[in-house]
Amino acid sequence: MVSNARRGRGTLDFDIHVTDRDGRPRGLNISILVDGSGEDVTVLHLFRDVTHERLVSRLASSLPEQPVADRGETITSS
């Protein structure tokens, strides 16, 4: 990452999986911001907890697709 920064190239954000102090699994997204170039570079790492966002995304993608009723159609339950 630092070598990319010195060359003026960015690094894509990425997720890692860790456990918190209580042993619970957490998902972190890491973004890297770079200011400067060459030897005079500042690199900032941002850590963002994405545990719930990734869980919702996984659950939503696992749901079967349901057909949507036409606007004029009434759906009744038996």
C-alpha atoms as a PDB file:
ATOM      1  CA  MET A   1       0.000   0.000   0.000  1.00  0.00           C
ATOM      2  CA  VAL A   2       2.746   2.462   0.852  1.00  0.00           C
ATOM      3  CA  SER A   3       4.650   1.513  -2.298  1.00  0.00           C
ATOM      4  CA  ASN A   4       1.480   2.185  -4.329  1.00  0.00           C
ATOM      5  CA  ALA A   5       1.127   5.558  -2.602  1.00  0.00           C
ATOM      6  CA  ARG A   6       4.720   6.517  -3.406  1.00  0.00           C
ATOM      7  CA  ARG A   7       4.050   5.702  -7.046  1.00  0.00           C
ATOM      8  CA  GLY A   8       0.841   7.752  -7.002  1.00  0.00           C
ATOM      9  CA  ARG A   9      -1.366   4.666  -7.358  1.00  0.00           C
ATOM     10  CA  GLY A  10      -4.409   4.009  -5.216  1.00  0.00           C
ATOM     11  CA  THR A  11      -5.370   0.844  -3.402  1.00  0.00           C
ATOM     12  CA  LEU A  12      -8.937  -0.439  -3.563  1.00  0.00           C
ATOM     13  CA  ASP A  13     -10.880  -0.761  -0.331  1.00  0.00           C
ATOM     14  CA  PHE A  14     -11.217  -4.278   1.042  1.00  0.00           C
ATOM     15  CA  ASP A  15     -13.006  -6.248   3.767  1.00  0.00           C
ATOM     16  CA  ILE A  16     -11.423  -8.251   6.551  1.00  0.00           C
ATOM     17  CA  HIS A  17     -12.998 -10.492   9.166  1.00  0.00           C
ATOM     18  CA  VAL A  18     -11.962 -10.146  12.803  1.00  0.00           C
ATOM     19  CA  THR A  19     -13.324 -10.915  16.256  1.00  0.00           C
ATOM     20  CA  ASP A  20     -14.045  -8.265  18.853  1.00  0.00           C
ATOM     21  CA  ARG A  21     -13.028  -8.388  22.518  1.00  0.00           C
ATOM     22  CA  ASP A  22     -16.067 -10.520  23.332  1.00  0.00           C
ATOM     23  CA  GLY A  23     -15.204 -13.054  20.612  1.00  0.00           C
ATOM     24  CA  ARG A  24     -17.981 -11.981  18.239  1.00  0.00           C
ATOM     25  CA  PRO A  25     -17.188 -11.972  14.515  1.00  0.00           C
ATOM     26  CA  ARG A  26     -17.031  -8.526  12.902  1.00  0.00           C
ATOM     27  CA  GLY A  27     -16.596  -7.365   9.335  1.00  0.00           C
ATOM     28  CA  LEU A  28     -14.380  -4.361   8.710  1.00  0.00           C
ATOM     29  CA  ASN A  29     -13.963  -2.440   5.486  1.00  0.00           C
ATOM     30  CA  ILE A  30     -10.613  -0.720   5.089  1.00  0.00           C
ATOM     31  CA  SER A  31     -10.168   2.309   2.844  1.00  0.00           C
ATOM     32  CA  ILE A  32      -6.806   3.928   2.205  1.00  0.00           C
ATOM     33  CA  LEU A  33      -6.419   7.638   1.551  1.00  0.00           C
ATOM     34  CA  VAL A  34      -3.160   9.028   0.217  1.00  0.00           C
ATOM     35  CA  ASP A  35      -1.866  12.595   0.261  1.00  0.00           C
ATOM     36  CA  GLY A  36       1.382  13.521  -1.433  1.00  0.00           C
ATOM     37  CA  SER A  37       3.823  11.524  -3.535  1.00  0.00           C
ATOM     38  CA  GLY A  38       7.385  10.251  -3.523  1.00  0.00           C
ATOM     39  CA  GLU A  39       8.987  10.190  -0.080  1.00  0.00           C
ATOM     40  CA  ASP A  40       6.632  12.873   1.283  1.00  0.00           C
ATOM     41  CA  VAL A  41       3.488  10.749   1.546  1.00  0.00           C
ATOM     42  CA  THR A  42       0.783  10.592   4.181  1.00  0.00           C
ATOM     43  CA  VAL A  43      -1.286   7.393   4.199  1.00  0.00           C
ATOM     44  CA  LEU A  44      -4.503   7.240   6.196  1.00  0.00           C
ATOM     45  CA  HIS A  45      -6.281   3.941   6.853  1.00  0.00           C
ATOM     46  CA  LEU A  46     -10.010   4.159   7.574  1.00  0.00           C
ATOM     47  CA  PHE A  47     -11.631   1.212   9.336  1.00  0.00           C
ATOM     48  CA  ARG A  48     -15.420   0.954   9.069  1.00  0.00           C
ATOM     49  CA  ASP A  49     -17.587  -1.676  10.777  1.00  0.00           C
ATOM     50  CA  VAL A  50     -19.694  -3.240   7.999  1.00  0.00           C
ATOM     51  CA  THR A  51     -20.875  -6.302   9.912  1.00  0.00           C
ATOM     52  CA  HIS A  52     -24.579  -5.530   9.610  1.00  0.00           C
ATOM     53  CA  GLU A  53     -24.413  -4.214   6.042  1.00  0.00           C
ATOM     54  CA  ARG A  54     -22.697  -7.369   4.788  1.00  0.00           C
ATOM     55  CA  LEU A  55     -25.144  -9.608   6.701  1.00  0.00           C
ATOM     56  CA  VAL A  56     -28.153  -7.844   5.198  1.00  0.00           C
ATOM     57  CA  SER A  57     -26.584  -8.066   1.738  1.00  0.00           C
ATOM     58  CA  ARG A  58     -25.919 -11.811   2.101  1.00  0.00           C
ATOM     59  CA  LEU A  59     -29.446 -12.454   3.387  1.00  0.00           C
ATOM     60  CA  ALA A  60     -31.038 -10.406   0.616  1.00  0.00           C
ATOM     61  CA  SER A  61     -29.064 -12.189  -2.087  1.00  0.00           C
ATOM     62  CA  SER A  62     -30.116 -15.583  -0.711  1.00  0.00           C
ATOM     63  CA  LEU A  63     -33.856 -14.822  -0.983  1.00  0.00           C
ATOM     64  CA  PRO A  64     -35.663 -16.336  -3.944  1.00  0.00           C
ATOM     65  CA  GLU A  65     -36.918 -13.825  -6.478  1.00  0.00           C
ATOM     66  CA  GLN A  66     -40.653 -13.239  -6.103  1.00  0.00           C
ATOM     67  CA  PRO A  67     -42.770 -12.146  -9.059  1.00  0.00           C
ATOM     68  CA  VAL A  68     -44.325  -8.712  -8.607  1.00  0.00           C
ATOM     69  CA  ALA A  69     -48.093  -8.498  -9.142  1.00  0.00           C
ATOM     70  CA  ASP A  70     -49.444  -6.161 -11.815  1.00  0.00           C
ATOM     71  CA  ARG A  71     -50.804  -2.905 -10.424  1.00  0.00           C
ATOM     72  CA  GLY A  72     -54.401  -3.858 -11.338  1.00  0.00           C
ATOM     73  CA  GLU A  73     -54.161  -7.342  -9.836  1.00  0.00           C
ATOM     74  CA  THR A  74     -55.339  -7.987  -6.293  1.00  0.00           C
ATOM     75  CA  ILE A  75     -53.614 -10.662  -4.283  1.00  0.00           C
ATOM     76  CA  THR A  76     -55.693 -12.349  -1.608  1.00  0.00           C
ATOM     77  CA  SER A  77     -54.697 -14.944   0.898  1.00  0.00           C
ATOM     78  CA  SER A  78     -56.811 -18.057   1.515  1.00  0.00           C
END
